[in-house]
Amino acid sequence: MGFPVNSYVLCLIGAGLLTAVALPLWRRYCRRAGVLLDDPGDRKIHGHPIPLAGGPAIWCSLAASLIGAIVLTQLGWFDKEAATKIAFGVSRRWTQLVAIFLGATGMTILGVMDDKHDLRPVLKFSGQVAISLLVAAAGIRITLFVPSLLFSYVVTILWIVAAINAFNFMDNMNGLCAGLGALAALLLGLLSALRGQYLVASMCFLTSGAVLGFLPYNFPRATAFLGDSGSHLIGYLLAVLAILPHFYSRKSPHPWAVLSPLLILAVPLADLAWVVWLRWRAGRPFYVGDTNHLSHRLVRSGLSPTGAVLLIWTLAAAVGCLALVWL
């Protein structure tokens, strides 16, 4: 990889520990304040309110990780080679990094507001588009080799909004959304690291670690949920992290490697397309939930919820690992 692997391990483990520490604090706050609680109801199997603490805890982990990385770099804790390469990446992309963090903050706030007030779909969708526009305006855009700025903006916004809602839709069983998010971020990190894109890889491992730190509180038995704040944040981060790496190279024997993110995110994107199509065919609004997701169908076929989640994780890992072939 041409880069100290221990730095990636530090990102993964450090962010995970920070989430593991932050989650109980947010869970306690939700219960004491009586806010951000998911009450029992239709299509829900839990019999008592569960705190929607995942989103704020993951955001805090990422924010603390960024601050910690800056402090440790200033103290000379990192390997000199690693610090030099990270500093070079930051100097080139600092405006984009600021936009990404502001977008992550905005997406978390939007999700919290939806968890708290059950926002109207048009308002929530408008918020997603506005934040995606901020990211595109910062220069984080998809081109697909089409020399059109308008095309780039439109495709980027559609991609980010689709990924956000794909992970939001997959948040329907304990551990499903978080597990898929952690796996996807890990695969994107490996791809970026193997391509020598150190800053992007570090961001991916931070994201994967932050989500993994939440998973023990959500799977197999949940004492906290992601909520819309968590699923929105995970979907947003993965959409952006999938744009940042340069998957295509003229020297690459596999120019179609530019489509690697589609393989890594294939399962949640396919599930989104499937349920939207079913709802459209039935004449129902696409944003109204149902039990036609892949996870629900696996449970109806005889699997336990835990078994269904494990099978979907395995499927996502198998398909996502195909992206490594396109190096």
Protein backbone atom coordinates (compact mmCIF):
# COMPACT_ATOMS: atom_id res chain seq x y z
CA MET A 1 0.00 0.00 0.00
CA GLY A 2 2.99 2.29 0.29
CA PHE A 3 1.63 3.75 3.51
CA PRO A 4 1.96 2.80 7.20
CA VAL A 5 -0.89 0.34 7.74
CA ASN A 6 -0.91 1.06 11.49
CA SER A 7 -2.28 4.52 10.70
CA TYR A 8 -5.32 2.93 9.05
CA VAL A 9 -5.73 0.56 11.98
CA LEU A 10 -5.60 3.52 14.35
CA CYS A 11 -8.35 5.26 12.36
CA LEU A 12 -10.54 2.15 12.43
CA ILE A 13 -10.10 1.28 16.10
CA GLY A 14 -9.92 4.84 17.40
CA ALA A 15 -13.18 5.90 15.76
CA GLY A 16 -14.86 2.70 16.94
CA LEU A 17 -13.85 3.30 20.55
CA LEU A 18 -15.06 6.90 20.39
CA THR A 19 -18.49 5.80 19.19
CA ALA A 20 -18.61 3.08 21.84
CA VAL A 21 -18.00 5.76 24.48
CA ALA A 22 -20.35 8.36 23.01
CA LEU A 23 -23.31 6.05 22.42
CA PRO A 24 -24.16 5.30 26.09
CA LEU A 25 -23.99 9.03 26.87
CA TRP A 26 -26.41 9.90 24.06
CA ARG A 27 -28.64 6.96 24.96
CA ARG A 28 -28.86 8.17 28.55
CA TYR A 29 -29.60 11.72 27.41
CA CYS A 30 -32.43 10.55 25.13
CA ARG A 31 -34.06 8.61 27.94
CA ARG A 32 -33.73 11.33 30.55
CA ALA A 33 -34.86 14.13 28.23
CA GLY A 34 -37.61 12.02 26.71
CA VAL A 35 -36.54 12.94 23.17
CA LEU A 36 -35.42 10.94 20.13
CA LEU A 37 -37.18 7.80 21.30
CA ASP A 38 -38.66 5.22 18.94
CA ASP A 39 -41.95 4.13 20.48
CA PRO A 40 -43.50 0.70 19.81
CA GLY A 41 -46.03 0.66 16.99
CA ASP A 42 -47.00 -0.69 13.60
CA ARG A 43 -44.27 -2.79 11.85
CA LYS A 44 -42.12 -2.59 15.00
CA ILE A 45 -41.18 -5.55 17.15
CA HIS A 46 -39.75 -3.80 20.22
CA GLY A 47 -42.05 -3.48 23.21
CA HIS A 48 -40.56 -0.35 24.82
CA PRO A 49 -39.09 2.96 23.62
CA ILE A 50 -35.60 2.67 22.13
CA PRO A 51 -33.29 5.74 21.96
CA LEU A 52 -32.44 6.97 18.46
CA ALA A 53 -28.90 7.72 19.60
CA GLY A 54 -26.85 6.22 16.78
CA GLY A 55 -26.64 9.27 14.52
CA PRO A 56 -25.43 11.77 17.13
CA ALA A 57 -22.95 9.24 18.55
CA ILE A 58 -21.41 8.48 15.14
CA TRP A 59 -21.21 12.19 14.31
CA CYS A 60 -19.46 12.90 17.62
CA SER A 61 -17.01 10.08 16.95
CA LEU A 62 -16.10 11.47 13.55
CA ALA A 63 -15.77 15.04 14.86
CA ALA A 64 -13.58 13.90 17.77
CA SER A 65 -11.50 11.75 15.40
CA LEU A 66 -10.78 14.73 13.16
CA ILE A 67 -9.80 16.90 16.11
CA GLY A 68 -7.65 14.10 17.53
CA ALA A 69 -5.91 13.56 14.19
CA ILE A 70 -5.01 17.26 13.99
CA VAL A 71 -3.66 17.28 17.55
CA LEU A 72 -1.65 14.07 17.13
CA THR A 73 -0.20 15.33 13.85
CA GLN A 74 0.91 18.57 15.51
CA LEU A 75 2.52 16.59 18.33
CA GLY A 76 4.43 14.50 15.80
CA TRP A 77 2.78 11.27 16.93
CA PHE A 78 2.23 9.96 13.42
CA ASP A 79 4.93 8.45 11.27
CA LYS A 80 6.67 11.24 9.34
CA GLU A 81 5.84 9.68 5.98
CA ALA A 82 2.19 9.28 6.93
CA ALA A 83 1.93 12.84 8.26
CA THR A 84 3.53 14.24 5.10
CA LYS A 85 1.19 12.39 2.78
CA ILE A 86 -1.90 13.26 4.79
CA ALA A 87 -0.83 16.92 4.98
CA PHE A 88 -0.38 16.97 1.19
CA GLY A 89 -3.88 15.60 0.69
CA VAL A 90 -5.41 18.06 3.14
CA SER A 91 -3.64 21.01 1.46
CA ARG A 92 -5.17 20.03 -1.86
CA ARG A 93 -8.65 19.26 -0.60
CA TRP A 94 -9.22 21.40 2.48
CA THR A 95 -12.24 23.20 0.99
CA GLN A 96 -13.78 19.86 0.08
CA LEU A 97 -13.08 18.48 3.55
CA VAL A 98 -14.83 21.46 5.13
CA ALA A 99 -17.81 20.97 2.79
CA ILE A 100 -17.95 17.25 3.61
CA PHE A 101 -17.97 17.91 7.36
CA LEU A 102 -20.59 20.66 7.04
CA GLY A 103 -22.68 18.33 4.90
CA ALA A 104 -22.35 15.54 7.46
CA THR A 105 -23.42 17.93 10.20
CA GLY A 106 -26.35 19.19 8.15
CA MET A 107 -27.44 15.66 7.28
CA THR A 108 -27.31 14.60 10.93
CA ILE A 109 -29.38 17.63 11.96
CA LEU A 110 -31.89 16.93 9.19
CA GLY A 111 -32.22 13.35 10.42
CA VAL A 112 -32.62 14.46 14.03
CA MET A 113 -35.37 16.86 13.02
CA ASP A 114 -37.11 14.07 11.14
CA ASP A 115 -36.76 11.69 14.10
CA LYS A 116 -38.20 14.35 16.38
CA HIS A 117 -40.89 15.96 14.24
CA ASP A 118 -41.55 13.43 11.45
CA LEU A 119 -40.85 15.92 8.66
CA ARG A 120 -42.99 15.98 5.56
CA PRO A 121 -41.35 14.03 2.72
CA VAL A 122 -40.98 17.10 0.50
CA LEU A 123 -39.19 18.99 3.27
CA LYS A 124 -36.83 16.11 4.03
CA PHE A 125 -36.12 15.55 0.33
CA SER A 126 -35.44 19.27 -0.16
CA GLY A 127 -32.94 19.18 2.69
CA GLN A 128 -31.16 16.20 1.12
CA VAL A 129 -30.93 17.99 -2.23
CA ALA A 130 -29.67 21.23 -0.64
CA ILE A 131 -26.86 19.46 1.21
CA SER A 132 -25.95 17.46 -1.89
CA LEU A 133 -25.78 20.73 -3.84
CA LEU A 134 -23.34 22.11 -1.26
CA VAL A 135 -21.07 19.11 -1.78
CA ALA A 136 -21.23 19.40 -5.56
CA ALA A 137 -20.50 23.13 -5.39
CA ALA A 138 -17.34 22.34 -3.40
CA GLY A 139 -16.01 20.38 -6.36
CA ILE A 140 -16.93 16.87 -5.23
CA ARG A 141 -18.69 15.81 -8.40
CA ILE A 142 -19.23 12.83 -10.70
CA THR A 143 -18.36 13.42 -14.34
CA LEU A 144 -18.59 9.98 -16.02
CA PHE A 145 -16.34 11.53 -18.68
CA VAL A 146 -19.15 13.85 -19.84
CA PRO A 147 -17.84 17.43 -20.33
CA SER A 148 -20.92 19.16 -18.94
CA LEU A 149 -21.03 21.01 -15.62
CA LEU A 150 -24.83 20.77 -15.45
CA PHE A 151 -24.69 17.02 -16.05
CA SER A 152 -22.07 16.68 -13.33
CA TYR A 153 -24.19 18.55 -10.80
CA VAL A 154 -27.35 16.60 -11.61
CA VAL A 155 -25.69 13.17 -11.49
CA THR A 156 -23.87 14.01 -8.24
CA ILE A 157 -27.03 15.19 -6.50
CA LEU A 158 -28.99 12.16 -7.71
CA TRP A 159 -26.23 9.83 -6.54
CA ILE A 160 -26.00 11.31 -3.04
CA VAL A 161 -29.77 11.46 -2.56
CA ALA A 162 -30.15 7.87 -3.83
CA ALA A 163 -27.46 6.56 -1.46
CA ILE A 164 -28.97 8.41 1.50
CA ASN A 165 -32.41 6.94 0.89
CA ALA A 166 -31.02 3.49 0.10
CA PHE A 167 -29.46 3.27 3.56
CA ASN A 168 -32.49 4.90 5.13
CA PHE A 169 -34.67 2.20 3.58
CA MET A 170 -32.28 -0.54 4.74
CA ASP A 171 -32.63 0.55 8.35
CA ASN A 172 -35.46 -1.93 8.92
CA MET A 173 -33.82 -4.65 11.04
CA ASN A 174 -31.31 -4.63 13.86
CA GLY A 175 -27.78 -4.22 12.55
CA LEU A 176 -28.69 -4.25 8.86
CA CYS A 177 -27.99 -0.64 7.89
CA ALA A 178 -25.02 -0.22 10.23
CA GLY A 179 -23.41 -3.48 9.13
CA LEU A 180 -23.78 -2.65 5.45
CA GLY A 181 -22.43 0.85 6.06
CA ALA A 182 -19.37 -0.34 7.97
CA LEU A 183 -18.64 -2.99 5.33
CA ALA A 184 -19.00 -0.55 2.41
CA ALA A 185 -16.73 2.04 4.08
CA LEU A 186 -14.14 -0.67 4.79
CA LEU A 187 -14.13 -1.83 1.14
CA LEU A 188 -13.87 1.75 -0.12
CA GLY A 189 -10.98 2.24 2.30
CA LEU A 190 -9.16 -0.83 1.01
CA LEU A 191 -9.62 0.26 -2.59
CA SER A 192 -8.36 3.76 -1.84
CA ALA A 193 -5.39 2.47 0.16
CA LEU A 194 -4.35 0.06 -2.56
CA ARG A 195 -4.47 2.93 -5.05
CA GLY A 196 -2.28 5.11 -2.85
CA GLN A 197 -5.05 7.60 -1.99
CA TYR A 198 -4.08 7.93 1.66
CA LEU A 199 -6.36 10.75 2.80
CA VAL A 200 -9.48 9.20 1.28
CA ALA A 201 -8.56 5.79 2.70
CA SER A 202 -8.12 7.29 6.18
CA MET A 203 -11.55 8.93 5.93
CA CYS A 204 -13.09 5.62 4.88
CA PHE A 205 -11.52 3.72 7.79
CA LEU A 206 -12.66 6.44 10.21
CA THR A 207 -16.21 6.07 8.90
CA SER A 208 -16.12 2.29 9.07
CA GLY A 209 -14.76 2.35 12.61
CA ALA A 210 -17.30 4.92 13.80
CA VAL A 211 -20.17 2.77 12.51
CA LEU A 212 -18.68 -0.46 13.84
CA GLY A 213 -18.51 1.12 17.29
CA PHE A 214 -22.30 1.49 17.20
CA LEU A 215 -23.04 -2.05 15.96
CA PRO A 216 -22.77 -3.90 19.33
CA TYR A 217 -25.52 -1.65 20.69
CA ASN A 218 -27.78 -2.51 17.75
CA PHE A 219 -27.13 -6.15 16.85
CA PRO A 220 -28.42 -8.73 17.47
CA ARG A 221 -30.41 -7.12 20.30
CA ALA A 222 -30.92 -3.37 20.05
CA THR A 223 -30.53 -0.99 22.97
CA ALA A 224 -30.20 1.92 20.54
CA PHE A 225 -31.27 2.64 16.97
CA LEU A 226 -29.60 4.65 14.23
CA GLY A 227 -32.71 6.71 13.57
CA ASP A 228 -32.99 8.81 10.43
CA SER A 229 -30.05 10.85 11.69
CA GLY A 230 -27.80 7.78 11.63
CA SER A 231 -29.03 6.27 8.37
CA HIS A 232 -28.88 9.67 6.64
CA LEU A 233 -25.34 10.26 7.92
CA ILE A 234 -24.10 6.82 6.84
CA GLY A 235 -25.68 7.06 3.38
CA TYR A 236 -24.30 10.56 2.88
CA LEU A 237 -20.76 9.67 3.94
CA LEU A 238 -20.63 6.59 1.72
CA ALA A 239 -21.99 8.51 -1.27
CA VAL A 240 -19.32 11.18 -0.85
CA LEU A 241 -16.49 8.74 -0.11
CA ALA A 242 -17.41 6.83 -3.26
CA ILE A 243 -16.92 10.01 -5.32
CA LEU A 244 -13.56 11.06 -3.86
CA PRO A 245 -11.22 8.27 -5.07
CA HIS A 246 -9.88 8.22 -8.63
CA PHE A 247 -10.93 4.74 -9.65
CA TYR A 248 -10.06 5.22 -13.29
CA SER A 249 -6.53 5.45 -14.67
CA ARG A 250 -5.31 5.39 -18.27
CA LYS A 251 -2.78 2.81 -17.16
CA SER A 252 -5.43 0.61 -15.57
CA PRO A 253 -6.24 -2.60 -17.46
CA HIS A 254 -9.81 -2.27 -16.19
CA PRO A 255 -11.23 1.16 -17.16
CA TRP A 256 -14.65 0.06 -15.92
CA ALA A 257 -13.21 0.27 -12.41
CA VAL A 258 -14.96 3.63 -12.24
CA LEU A 259 -18.10 1.61 -11.49
CA SER A 260 -16.55 0.00 -8.40
CA PRO A 261 -18.78 2.00 -6.00
CA LEU A 262 -21.86 0.47 -7.64
CA LEU A 263 -20.62 -2.99 -6.69
CA ILE A 264 -19.77 -1.95 -3.14
CA LEU A 265 -23.20 -0.36 -2.65
CA ALA A 266 -25.06 -2.83 -4.89
CA VAL A 267 -27.26 -4.42 -2.20
CA PRO A 268 -28.77 -1.25 -0.67
CA LEU A 269 -29.14 0.38 -4.11
CA ALA A 270 -30.84 -2.71 -5.56
CA ASP A 271 -33.19 -2.92 -2.57
CA LEU A 272 -34.07 0.77 -3.02
CA ALA A 273 -34.84 0.31 -6.72
CA TRP A 274 -36.90 -2.83 -6.02
CA VAL A 275 -39.18 -1.41 -3.34
CA VAL A 276 -39.65 1.91 -5.18
CA TRP A 277 -40.71 0.02 -8.28
CA LEU A 278 -43.12 -2.16 -6.29
CA ARG A 279 -44.68 0.87 -4.61
CA TRP A 280 -45.00 2.72 -7.90
CA ARG A 281 -46.63 -0.31 -9.53
CA ALA A 282 -49.08 -0.56 -6.62
CA GLY A 283 -49.90 3.15 -6.89
CA ARG A 284 -48.45 4.00 -3.48
CA PRO A 285 -46.04 6.86 -2.64
CA PHE A 286 -42.45 5.58 -2.79
CA TYR A 287 -41.67 7.08 0.64
CA VAL A 288 -44.38 5.12 2.51
CA GLY A 289 -42.78 2.14 4.25
CA ASP A 290 -43.80 -1.48 3.78
CA THR A 291 -42.45 -5.00 4.27
CA ASN A 292 -41.27 -5.71 0.74
CA HIS A 293 -37.58 -5.21 1.46
CA LEU A 294 -35.13 -8.07 0.91
CA SER A 295 -34.75 -8.52 4.65
CA HIS A 296 -38.51 -8.90 5.15
CA ARG A 297 -38.79 -11.39 2.30
CA LEU A 298 -35.98 -13.51 3.75
CA VAL A 299 -37.73 -13.60 7.11
CA ARG A 300 -41.00 -14.61 5.45
CA SER A 301 -39.10 -17.41 3.69
CA GLY A 302 -38.20 -18.89 7.08
CA LEU A 303 -35.01 -17.17 8.24
CA SER A 304 -34.78 -15.46 11.60
CA PRO A 305 -34.19 -11.67 11.53
CA THR A 306 -30.60 -12.27 12.67
CA GLY A 307 -30.11 -14.90 9.98
CA ALA A 308 -31.54 -12.59 7.33
CA VAL A 309 -29.19 -9.78 8.33
CA LEU A 310 -26.16 -12.08 8.32
CA LEU A 311 -27.09 -13.40 4.87
CA ILE A 312 -27.47 -9.87 3.46
CA TRP A 313 -24.12 -8.85 4.97
CA THR A 314 -22.53 -11.88 3.30
CA LEU A 315 -24.13 -11.08 -0.05
CA ALA A 316 -22.99 -7.45 0.15
CA ALA A 317 -19.45 -8.53 1.04
CA ALA A 318 -19.29 -11.02 -1.84
CA VAL A 319 -20.53 -8.53 -4.43
CA GLY A 320 -18.49 -5.67 -2.99
CA CYS A 321 -15.26 -7.67 -3.05
CA LEU A 322 -15.61 -7.97 -6.84
CA ALA A 323 -14.57 -4.32 -6.92
CA LEU A 324 -11.12 -5.39 -5.73
CA VAL A 325 -10.75 -7.40 -8.94
CA TRP A 326 -10.98 -4.16 -10.94
CA LEU A 327 -7.77 -2.72 -9.53
